[in-house]
Amino acid sequence: MLRYQRLHKEAPEWSMLRARTAALIVAVVQDYFPPERRVRPAAEVIAELDEDLVQLREATPEFESTAAAYVSGWVGAGYLIRRPGETRGTETLTPSAAALNAAGIVSGVESPQRAASASRLGSIASNLIALQRDSDPNSATRLALLNAERDAIDLRIAEVQTGSFTVLDPDDAKERVAETLSLAREVPVDFARVRSTIEELSRKLRAKILDDSADGGATLGNVFRGVDLLAESEAGRSVNGFYDVILDAEQSTRLQEAIAAILSRDFAEDLPQQERTDLRTLLSRLEDEAATVRQTMLLLSRSLRHFVLSRQYEEHRRLRQLIQRCQSLAVQVSAHHRPEKPVSLDLTRIGMQIRSITALKLHNPGEGRVPTEFERHDTGAVDFAELAAQARESDIDFDELRGNVIATLHHADGPVTVAQVLDAYPATQGLASIVGLMVLGAEHGDTTVEHTERVTLERRTVTLPEITFRQGDFEDSR
């Protein structure tokens, strides 16, 4: 009883079947992850579940959460496994071995075995006889078993030659097909369990490499020497053994020919369409399952070897030592200072604000669209004089000011000031003309801050430093 109480608390299958949304979880595992699509993109699964939840809420209000929340909870509970996708930033979902096992239990409850299957008993008997023969160390008894098998085969050959053989009854043939498919449905559960075992073993090997003990040193040495610890484990050997058998050209060809021959029999026409499909795709699904698990094992083996050969384990080991040292110091300090004791330490708050992801709002590009149509203005003939006038209003006309200074110098006997230039040629641009003359004075004339002069505009008087222009100041700018 104590063992079952522990399983009741720890086994994911048990917790899955007693969950409030157990029916939804089983439906997702069976319908969203068929045998030919055990691995699916996470975004695709969530989108499909969102659509189904809309219809389910019309029938019952108990599904109040979102698809993303359900999936996240199932991943945390161990019913679904989330892994990185093939492209960057994507994720995939696949049911765990526990979820497949629980879904199989529900299927057995829904469609139980009605009677003792003769084909199942025959499979048990064949396995026991083969086990008796292959495990017998005595050559005499083993030879007797082989001779008995040969005599039975010779008898069946003679019956075929004389035409007195019996064809299997259609009902018995259908029963054998159902029994074969029932055994085949257990293979994905085994593969999912083996894959989880390999991933857990990879994590344990990494942790062992970081350990300074003799066991950790031995593990590190084996990886350095090129020993594939994952492939040599019990789970790795089972994967490689199954993979070698299923990829054997002769064996796979023989199985494919057998499946094609069975589907061509008369009794096969009475099989349900799903059983015909499962039988036709049996070999390819087994190959895909084996290839997926083996690829995972190879990737983890390469990653573990790179972890060692690139010396990354040294950095992790050093970090682990520092963490352990900090923990040891914390234990020593805890004897004198309680964790809740205030300390005279001010922490500067960082500028980044941490908010819940639910507070984020997706940007809607449609909000930036103008609801009304733009007014159309056709272009006409260009008036270059008007363009020149607009340009003159927006900028200082230095060409005009320079010409005014040169003309004033031409009529004067000596140097002239800004006031004299403005007396001869008024400021057509107002204050901008005065600013332009000051700029020309700084570039070509002489500016004296000690002496000033007053310049009068229409409604104001401006006091300027004395700026003097002389003959030849603009020779280089002509």
Protein backbone atom coordinates (compact mmCIF):
# COMPACT_ATOMS: atom_id res chain seq x y z
CA MET A 1 0.00 0.00 0.00
CA LEU A 2 2.80 2.41 0.82
CA ARG A 3 4.26 1.85 -2.63
CA TYR A 4 0.98 2.77 -4.27
CA GLN A 5 0.63 5.83 -2.06
CA ARG A 6 4.02 6.99 -3.30
CA LEU A 7 2.98 6.38 -6.91
CA HIS A 8 -0.24 8.28 -6.23
CA LYS A 9 1.86 11.32 -5.30
CA GLU A 10 4.76 10.98 -7.74
CA ALA A 11 3.57 9.20 -10.91
CA PRO A 12 2.54 11.72 -13.62
CA GLU A 13 0.09 9.18 -15.05
CA TRP A 14 -1.84 9.07 -11.81
CA SER A 15 -1.92 12.85 -11.36
CA MET A 16 -2.95 13.31 -14.99
CA LEU A 17 -5.93 10.96 -14.72
CA ARG A 18 -7.16 12.56 -11.49
CA ALA A 19 -6.70 16.15 -12.73
CA ARG A 20 -9.80 18.33 -13.10
CA THR A 21 -9.11 18.74 -16.82
CA ALA A 22 -8.11 15.10 -17.37
CA ALA A 23 -10.56 14.68 -20.25
CA LEU A 24 -9.10 17.71 -22.04
CA ILE A 25 -5.52 16.52 -21.55
CA VAL A 26 -6.27 13.04 -22.89
CA ALA A 27 -8.12 14.51 -25.89
CA VAL A 28 -5.19 16.79 -26.70
CA VAL A 29 -2.67 13.93 -26.46
CA GLN A 30 -4.72 11.59 -28.64
CA ASP A 31 -6.07 14.06 -31.24
CA TYR A 32 -3.29 16.65 -31.49
CA PHE A 33 -0.40 14.18 -31.44
CA PRO A 34 -1.31 11.20 -33.65
CA PRO A 35 1.32 8.49 -34.22
CA GLU A 36 2.52 10.13 -37.42
CA ARG A 37 2.90 13.60 -35.77
CA ARG A 38 4.27 13.11 -32.28
CA VAL A 39 6.26 16.37 -32.49
CA ARG A 40 4.43 19.58 -33.40
CA PRO A 41 5.23 23.33 -33.23
CA ALA A 42 4.08 24.83 -29.94
CA ALA A 43 2.47 27.86 -31.62
CA GLU A 44 0.43 25.58 -33.87
CA VAL A 45 -0.83 23.49 -30.95
CA ILE A 46 -1.80 26.57 -28.91
CA ALA A 47 -3.64 28.15 -31.85
CA GLU A 48 -5.58 24.94 -32.52
CA LEU A 49 -6.44 24.52 -28.84
CA ASP A 50 -7.66 28.13 -28.65
CA GLU A 51 -10.15 27.44 -31.45
CA ASP A 52 -11.39 24.25 -29.79
CA LEU A 53 -11.77 25.98 -26.41
CA VAL A 54 -14.13 28.51 -27.96
CA GLN A 55 -16.46 25.67 -28.97
CA LEU A 56 -16.03 23.83 -25.66
CA ARG A 57 -17.03 26.90 -23.64
CA GLU A 58 -20.34 26.97 -25.47
CA ALA A 59 -21.10 23.51 -24.05
CA THR A 60 -19.54 23.87 -20.58
CA PRO A 61 -18.10 26.91 -18.74
CA GLU A 62 -15.39 25.00 -16.86
CA PHE A 63 -12.62 25.83 -19.36
CA GLU A 64 -12.00 29.39 -18.23
CA SER A 65 -8.24 29.50 -18.85
CA THR A 66 -6.40 30.18 -22.11
CA ALA A 67 -4.70 27.63 -24.33
CA ALA A 68 -1.24 29.05 -23.54
CA ALA A 69 -1.92 28.74 -19.79
CA TYR A 70 -3.13 25.16 -20.16
CA VAL A 71 -0.09 24.16 -22.20
CA SER A 72 2.29 25.85 -19.76
CA GLY A 73 0.69 24.00 -16.86
CA TRP A 74 0.85 20.66 -18.67
CA VAL A 75 4.53 21.20 -19.46
CA GLY A 76 5.22 21.96 -15.79
CA ALA A 77 3.31 18.87 -14.69
CA GLY A 78 5.27 16.62 -17.05
CA TYR A 79 2.43 15.75 -19.44
CA LEU A 80 3.97 17.62 -22.40
CA ILE A 81 7.64 18.17 -23.19
CA ARG A 82 8.75 21.50 -24.65
CA ARG A 83 11.94 21.50 -26.71
CA PRO A 84 13.68 24.06 -28.98
CA GLY A 85 12.55 23.99 -32.60
CA GLU A 86 14.67 23.64 -35.70
CA THR A 87 14.59 27.40 -36.37
CA ARG A 88 15.74 30.00 -33.87
CA GLY A 89 13.06 31.27 -31.51
CA THR A 90 10.64 28.39 -32.10
CA GLU A 91 9.58 25.58 -29.78
CA THR A 92 8.03 22.16 -30.24
CA LEU A 93 5.71 20.11 -28.06
CA THR A 94 5.54 16.35 -27.71
CA PRO A 95 3.63 14.19 -25.23
CA SER A 96 5.68 12.60 -22.49
CA ALA A 97 5.83 8.87 -21.88
CA ALA A 98 3.54 9.33 -18.88
CA ALA A 99 0.94 11.17 -20.97
CA LEU A 100 1.01 8.51 -23.69
CA ASN A 101 0.72 5.80 -21.07
CA ALA A 102 -2.25 7.51 -19.40
CA ALA A 103 -3.93 8.04 -22.77
CA GLY A 104 -3.43 4.33 -23.49
CA ILE A 105 -5.11 3.46 -20.19
CA VAL A 106 -8.10 5.59 -21.16
CA SER A 107 -8.25 3.93 -24.58
CA GLY A 108 -8.24 0.53 -22.86
CA VAL A 109 -11.14 1.63 -20.65
CA GLU A 110 -13.03 2.94 -23.68
CA SER A 111 -12.38 -0.15 -25.83
CA PRO A 112 -11.46 -3.03 -23.51
CA GLN A 113 -10.33 -6.46 -24.63
CA ARG A 114 -13.62 -8.36 -24.76
CA ALA A 115 -12.21 -11.89 -24.53
CA ALA A 116 -8.99 -13.81 -24.19
CA SER A 117 -7.19 -13.39 -27.50
CA ALA A 118 -5.89 -16.58 -29.08
CA SER A 119 -3.30 -14.62 -31.02
CA ARG A 120 -2.03 -13.06 -27.81
CA LEU A 121 -1.72 -16.49 -26.22
CA GLY A 122 0.06 -17.71 -29.34
CA SER A 123 2.53 -14.82 -29.13
CA ILE A 124 3.21 -15.63 -25.48
CA ALA A 125 3.75 -19.31 -26.28
CA SER A 126 6.07 -18.53 -29.21
CA ASN A 127 8.17 -16.20 -27.08
CA LEU A 128 8.44 -18.75 -24.28
CA ILE A 129 9.44 -21.56 -26.64
CA ALA A 130 12.03 -19.33 -28.34
CA LEU A 131 13.36 -18.26 -24.93
CA GLN A 132 13.62 -21.92 -23.85
CA ARG A 133 15.57 -22.79 -26.98
CA ASP A 134 17.91 -19.79 -27.11
CA SER A 135 18.77 -19.87 -23.41
CA ASP A 136 19.48 -23.64 -23.26
CA PRO A 137 23.21 -24.30 -22.65
CA ASN A 138 22.80 -28.08 -23.30
CA SER A 139 23.49 -28.92 -26.92
CA ALA A 140 21.51 -32.16 -26.81
CA THR A 141 18.22 -30.69 -25.63
CA ARG A 142 18.72 -27.66 -27.84
CA LEU A 143 19.25 -29.91 -30.87
CA ALA A 144 16.10 -31.84 -29.97
CA LEU A 145 14.06 -28.62 -29.93
CA LEU A 146 15.46 -27.56 -33.31
CA ASN A 147 14.67 -31.00 -34.81
CA ALA A 148 11.11 -30.74 -33.48
CA GLU A 149 10.72 -27.35 -35.11
CA ARG A 150 12.14 -28.71 -38.37
CA ASP A 151 9.72 -31.64 -38.31
CA ALA A 152 6.81 -29.24 -37.78
CA ILE A 153 7.98 -27.12 -40.72
CA ASP A 154 8.42 -30.21 -42.93
CA LEU A 155 4.87 -31.28 -42.08
CA ARG A 156 3.49 -27.87 -43.05
CA ILE A 157 5.48 -27.96 -46.31
CA ALA A 158 4.01 -31.36 -47.13
CA GLU A 159 0.49 -30.07 -46.44
CA VAL A 160 1.04 -27.16 -48.83
CA GLN A 161 2.45 -29.47 -51.50
CA THR A 162 -0.58 -31.73 -51.31
CA GLY A 163 -3.01 -28.82 -51.12
CA SER A 164 -4.46 -29.92 -47.80
CA PHE A 165 -3.45 -26.83 -45.84
CA THR A 166 -5.95 -24.68 -43.95
CA VAL A 167 -6.29 -20.94 -44.58
CA LEU A 168 -6.57 -18.80 -41.50
CA ASP A 169 -10.11 -17.86 -40.58
CA PRO A 170 -10.91 -14.18 -41.39
CA ASP A 171 -11.94 -13.48 -37.80
CA ASP A 172 -8.69 -14.95 -36.51
CA ALA A 173 -6.76 -12.92 -39.09
CA LYS A 174 -8.45 -9.69 -37.96
CA GLU A 175 -7.67 -10.62 -34.37
CA ARG A 176 -3.97 -11.00 -35.19
CA VAL A 177 -3.94 -7.63 -36.97
CA ALA A 178 -5.53 -5.98 -33.93
CA GLU A 179 -3.05 -7.69 -31.63
CA THR A 180 -0.09 -6.58 -33.78
CA LEU A 181 -1.29 -2.98 -33.88
CA SER A 182 -1.90 -3.05 -30.13
CA LEU A 183 1.72 -4.04 -29.57
CA ALA A 184 2.90 -1.40 -32.07
CA ARG A 185 1.02 1.35 -30.19
CA GLU A 186 3.13 0.63 -27.12
CA VAL A 187 6.36 1.35 -29.00
CA PRO A 188 5.99 5.19 -28.98
CA VAL A 189 5.49 5.06 -25.21
CA ASP A 190 8.69 3.04 -24.89
CA PHE A 191 10.56 5.46 -27.14
CA ALA A 192 9.32 8.49 -25.20
CA ARG A 193 10.44 6.85 -21.97
CA VAL A 194 13.84 5.96 -23.45
CA ARG A 195 14.30 9.50 -24.73
CA SER A 196 13.54 10.94 -21.30
CA THR A 197 15.96 8.44 -19.77
CA ILE A 198 18.74 9.48 -22.16
CA GLU A 199 18.17 13.18 -21.46
CA GLU A 200 18.22 12.55 -17.72
CA LEU A 201 21.39 10.47 -18.07
CA SER A 202 23.03 13.31 -20.00
CA ARG A 203 22.25 15.73 -17.16
CA LYS A 204 23.61 13.28 -14.58
CA LEU A 205 26.85 12.82 -16.56
CA ARG A 206 27.37 16.59 -16.72
CA ALA A 207 26.79 16.86 -12.98
CA LYS A 208 29.19 13.97 -12.36
CA ILE A 209 31.89 15.63 -14.51
CA LEU A 210 31.65 18.75 -12.33
CA ASP A 211 32.23 16.62 -9.22
CA ASP A 212 35.78 16.45 -7.87
CA SER A 213 35.35 12.85 -6.69
CA ALA A 214 37.04 9.81 -8.19
CA ASP A 215 33.83 8.81 -9.94
CA GLY A 216 33.66 12.21 -11.60
CA GLY A 217 37.29 11.94 -12.67
CA ALA A 218 36.66 8.53 -14.22
CA THR A 219 33.66 9.88 -16.15
CA LEU A 220 35.73 12.82 -17.36
CA GLY A 221 38.53 10.50 -18.49
CA ASN A 222 36.14 8.28 -20.44
CA VAL A 223 34.73 11.25 -22.33
CA PHE A 224 38.25 12.50 -23.07
CA ARG A 225 39.13 9.09 -24.54
CA GLY A 226 36.10 9.26 -26.83
CA VAL A 227 33.88 6.78 -24.99
CA ASP A 228 30.22 7.39 -25.85
CA LEU A 229 28.69 6.91 -22.42
CA LEU A 230 25.15 7.56 -23.66
CA ALA A 231 25.37 4.97 -26.44
CA GLU A 232 26.85 2.40 -24.06
CA SER A 233 24.09 2.86 -21.49
CA GLU A 234 21.18 0.42 -21.31
CA ALA A 235 18.83 2.91 -22.97
CA GLY A 236 21.38 3.72 -25.67
CA ARG A 237 21.97 0.08 -26.51
CA SER A 238 18.24 -0.54 -26.83
CA VAL A 239 17.85 2.42 -29.18
CA ASN A 240 20.79 1.40 -31.36
CA GLY A 241 19.62 -2.22 -31.42
CA PHE A 242 16.10 -1.28 -32.52
CA TYR A 243 17.47 1.24 -35.02
CA ASP A 244 19.82 -1.32 -36.58
CA VAL A 245 17.02 -3.87 -36.95
CA ILE A 246 14.48 -1.46 -38.39
CA LEU A 247 17.01 -0.05 -40.90
CA ASP A 248 18.28 -3.45 -42.00
CA ALA A 249 17.51 -3.54 -45.72
CA GLU A 250 16.59 -7.21 -45.84
CA GLN A 251 14.48 -7.08 -42.68
CA SER A 252 12.60 -3.88 -43.64
CA THR A 253 11.94 -5.20 -47.17
CA ARG A 254 10.56 -8.43 -45.74
CA LEU A 255 8.28 -6.53 -43.34
CA GLN A 256 7.06 -4.20 -46.09
CA GLU A 257 6.27 -7.14 -48.35
CA ALA A 258 4.38 -8.84 -45.52
CA ILE A 259 2.30 -5.71 -44.83
CA ALA A 260 1.47 -5.29 -48.52
CA ALA A 261 0.45 -8.96 -48.78
CA ILE A 262 -1.77 -8.74 -45.69
CA LEU A 263 -3.55 -5.64 -47.01
CA SER A 264 -4.25 -7.49 -50.28
CA ARG A 265 -6.08 -10.32 -48.54
CA ASP A 266 -9.86 -10.54 -48.66
CA PHE A 267 -10.28 -10.15 -44.89
CA ALA A 268 -8.35 -6.85 -44.99
CA GLU A 269 -11.25 -5.20 -46.82
CA ASP A 270 -13.38 -5.65 -43.69
CA LEU A 271 -10.82 -3.97 -41.42
CA PRO A 272 -11.64 -0.45 -40.14
CA GLN A 273 -10.06 2.31 -42.18
CA GLN A 274 -7.93 3.44 -39.22
CA GLU A 275 -6.48 -0.05 -38.77
CA ARG A 276 -5.68 -0.26 -42.48
CA THR A 277 -3.91 3.11 -42.30
CA ASP A 278 -2.03 2.15 -39.13
CA LEU A 279 -0.91 -1.12 -40.72
CA ARG A 280 0.18 0.57 -43.94
CA THR A 281 2.24 3.23 -42.13
CA LEU A 282 3.52 0.94 -39.37
CA LEU A 283 7.07 0.54 -40.66
CA SER A 284 7.57 4.22 -41.51
CA ARG A 285 6.28 5.32 -38.10
CA LEU A 286 8.62 2.93 -36.34
CA GLU A 287 11.52 4.23 -38.40
CA ASP A 288 10.64 7.85 -37.56
CA GLU A 289 10.33 7.09 -33.85
CA ALA A 290 13.68 5.28 -33.79
CA ALA A 291 15.41 7.98 -35.86
CA THR A 292 14.12 10.78 -33.60
CA VAL A 293 15.36 9.13 -30.42
CA ARG A 294 18.69 8.16 -31.96
CA GLN A 295 19.22 11.70 -33.29
CA THR A 296 18.57 13.05 -29.80
CA MET A 297 21.11 10.64 -28.35
CA LEU A 298 23.74 11.61 -30.95
CA LEU A 299 23.22 15.35 -30.34
CA LEU A 300 23.50 14.91 -26.58
CA SER A 301 26.65 12.80 -27.00
CA ARG A 302 28.28 15.46 -29.20
CA SER A 303 27.24 18.19 -26.78
CA LEU A 304 28.72 16.28 -23.84
CA ARG A 305 31.98 15.69 -25.69
CA HIS A 306 32.19 19.36 -26.70
CA PHE A 307 31.49 20.32 -23.07
CA VAL A 308 34.60 18.39 -22.06
CA LEU A 309 36.99 19.03 -24.96
CA SER A 310 36.31 22.79 -25.01
CA ARG A 311 37.15 22.99 -21.29
CA GLN A 312 33.73 24.46 -20.49
CA TYR A 313 33.47 22.04 -17.58
CA GLU A 314 36.35 23.90 -15.87
CA GLU A 315 34.37 27.15 -15.83
CA HIS A 316 31.27 25.36 -14.52
CA ARG A 317 33.33 23.56 -11.92
CA ARG A 318 34.87 26.84 -10.75
CA LEU A 319 31.43 28.45 -10.57
CA ARG A 320 30.14 25.51 -8.56
CA GLN A 321 33.04 25.84 -6.13
CA LEU A 322 32.33 29.55 -5.65
CA ILE A 323 28.64 28.86 -5.01
CA GLN A 324 29.50 26.16 -2.48
CA ARG A 325 31.96 28.53 -0.78
CA CYS A 326 29.31 31.24 -0.58
CA GLN A 327 26.86 28.76 0.91
CA SER A 328 29.45 27.70 3.49
CA LEU A 329 30.14 31.31 4.46
CA ALA A 330 26.43 31.98 4.68
CA VAL A 331 26.04 29.11 7.13
CA GLN A 332 28.85 30.57 9.26
CA VAL A 333 27.39 34.06 9.17
CA SER A 334 23.89 32.79 10.03
CA ALA A 335 25.16 31.88 13.51
CA HIS A 336 25.78 35.57 14.25
CA HIS A 337 23.38 37.43 11.97
CA ARG A 338 19.83 36.41 11.34
CA PRO A 339 18.49 36.78 7.76
CA GLU A 340 15.87 39.30 8.90
CA LYS A 341 18.40 41.54 10.67
CA PRO A 342 18.61 45.00 8.99
CA VAL A 343 21.97 45.95 7.48
CA SER A 344 23.33 49.38 6.70
CA LEU A 345 23.43 48.84 2.96
CA ASP A 346 21.71 50.91 0.32
CA LEU A 347 20.85 49.20 -2.93
CA THR A 348 20.58 51.37 -6.01
CA ARG A 349 17.52 50.55 -8.00
CA ILE A 350 18.21 49.79 -11.62
CA GLY A 351 16.44 51.73 -14.34
CA MET A 352 14.73 48.70 -15.83
CA GLN A 353 11.21 48.07 -14.61
CA ILE A 354 10.06 44.47 -14.31
CA ARG A 355 6.46 44.04 -15.34
CA SER A 356 4.21 41.12 -16.03
CA ILE A 357 4.08 40.00 -19.64
CA THR A 358 0.30 40.30 -19.48
CA ALA A 359 0.73 44.09 -19.24
CA LEU A 360 2.23 44.21 -22.71
CA LYS A 361 -0.04 45.17 -25.57
CA LEU A 362 0.59 44.14 -29.13
CA HIS A 363 1.09 46.96 -31.60
CA ASN A 364 -1.71 47.27 -34.12
CA PRO A 365 -0.38 48.74 -37.39
CA GLY A 366 -3.96 49.58 -38.38
CA GLU A 367 -4.17 52.26 -35.67
CA GLY A 368 -1.75 54.45 -37.61
CA ARG A 369 -3.88 54.51 -40.75
CA VAL A 370 -5.54 57.81 -41.71
CA PRO A 371 -9.30 57.28 -41.98
CA THR A 372 -9.84 59.99 -44.61
CA GLU A 373 -8.40 60.18 -48.09
CA PHE A 374 -5.66 62.65 -48.94
CA GLU A 375 -6.56 65.70 -51.03
CA ARG A 376 -4.93 65.60 -54.40
CA HIS A 377 -3.10 68.70 -55.72
CA ASP A 378 -1.94 68.69 -59.30
CA THR A 379 1.39 70.36 -60.05
CA GLY A 380 1.46 73.45 -62.26
CA ALA A 381 4.11 75.59 -63.97
CA VAL A 382 7.06 76.63 -61.80
CA ASP A 383 7.66 80.39 -61.26
CA PHE A 384 11.41 80.65 -60.72
CA ALA A 385 11.16 84.31 -59.66
CA GLU A 386 8.73 83.37 -56.90
CA LEU A 387 11.00 80.54 -55.80
CA ALA A 388 13.95 82.93 -55.63
CA ALA A 389 11.91 85.39 -53.56
CA GLN A 390 10.89 82.65 -51.11
CA ALA A 391 14.49 81.50 -50.82
CA ARG A 392 15.60 85.07 -50.17
CA GLU A 393 13.06 85.46 -47.39
CA SER A 394 14.27 82.32 -45.67
CA ASP A 395 18.01 83.11 -45.85
CA ILE A 396 20.39 86.12 -45.75
CA ASP A 397 21.24 87.47 -49.20
CA PHE A 398 25.03 87.71 -48.86
CA ASP A 399 25.50 88.39 -52.56
CA GLU A 400 23.43 91.59 -52.26
CA LEU A 401 25.26 92.73 -49.09
CA ARG A 402 28.66 92.02 -50.59
CA GLY A 403 27.74 94.06 -53.68
CA ASN A 404 26.49 96.94 -51.48
CA VAL A 405 29.79 97.07 -49.56
CA ILE A 406 31.87 97.00 -52.77
CA ALA A 407 29.71 99.75 -54.33
CA THR A 408 30.03 101.94 -51.22
CA LEU A 409 33.83 101.51 -51.22
CA HIS A 410 33.92 102.42 -54.92
CA HIS A 411 32.28 105.81 -54.26
CA ALA A 412 34.21 106.57 -51.04
CA ASP A 413 37.76 107.84 -50.72
CA GLY A 414 38.71 105.44 -47.89
CA PRO A 415 37.37 102.79 -45.52
CA VAL A 416 33.66 102.58 -44.80
CA THR A 417 31.66 101.27 -41.85
CA VAL A 418 28.44 99.30 -41.63
CA ALA A 419 26.50 102.50 -40.89
CA GLN A 420 27.81 104.11 -44.07
CA VAL A 421 26.87 101.06 -46.13
CA LEU A 422 23.33 101.10 -44.70
CA ASP A 423 23.01 104.84 -45.37
CA ALA A 424 23.82 104.25 -49.02
CA TYR A 425 21.86 100.98 -49.32
CA PRO A 426 19.02 100.43 -46.79
CA ALA A 427 18.55 97.02 -45.12
CA THR A 428 16.10 95.23 -47.42
CA GLN A 429 15.93 92.24 -45.08
CA GLY A 430 15.76 94.20 -41.87
CA LEU A 431 17.75 92.80 -38.98
CA ALA A 432 18.91 89.92 -41.20
CA SER A 433 20.82 92.42 -43.36
CA ILE A 434 22.63 93.80 -40.28
CA VAL A 435 23.53 90.28 -39.18
CA GLY A 436 24.82 89.53 -42.70
CA LEU A 437 27.06 92.65 -42.64
CA MET A 438 28.44 91.58 -39.26
CA VAL A 439 29.28 88.16 -40.71
CA LEU A 440 31.03 89.79 -43.70
CA GLY A 441 32.91 92.07 -41.32
CA ALA A 442 34.15 89.10 -39.31
CA GLU A 443 35.29 87.32 -42.50
CA HIS A 444 36.73 90.23 -44.53
CA GLY A 445 36.76 93.48 -42.48
CA ASP A 446 38.11 94.74 -39.15
CA THR A 447 35.96 94.67 -36.01
CA THR A 448 36.74 96.99 -33.09
CA VAL A 449 34.91 96.26 -29.86
CA GLU A 450 36.19 99.44 -28.12
CA HIS A 451 34.28 101.69 -30.57
CA THR A 452 30.60 101.34 -31.40
CA GLU A 453 28.16 102.90 -33.81
CA ARG A 454 24.40 103.12 -33.90
CA VAL A 455 22.33 101.89 -36.83
CA THR A 456 18.68 102.84 -37.20
CA LEU A 457 16.06 100.55 -38.67
CA GLU A 458 12.38 101.33 -39.18
CA ARG A 459 11.32 101.18 -35.51
CA ARG A 460 14.48 100.34 -33.59
CA THR A 461 18.07 101.37 -33.09
CA VAL A 462 20.86 98.82 -32.96
CA THR A 463 24.27 99.42 -31.36
CA LEU A 464 27.08 97.56 -33.15
CA PRO A 465 30.82 97.26 -32.68
CA GLU A 466 32.59 99.34 -35.27
CA ILE A 467 33.12 97.24 -38.39
CA THR A 468 35.38 98.69 -41.08
CA PHE A 469 35.73 97.58 -44.73
CA ARG A 470 38.70 98.66 -46.89
CA GLN A 471 39.55 98.54 -50.54
CA GLY A 472 40.66 95.08 -51.61
CA ASP A 473 38.92 93.18 -48.76
CA PHE A 474 36.74 91.31 -51.27
CA GLU A 475 39.35 90.71 -53.95
CA ASP A 476 39.67 87.02 -53.10
CA SER A 477 35.86 86.49 -53.22
CA ARG A 478 35.22 87.84 -56.69
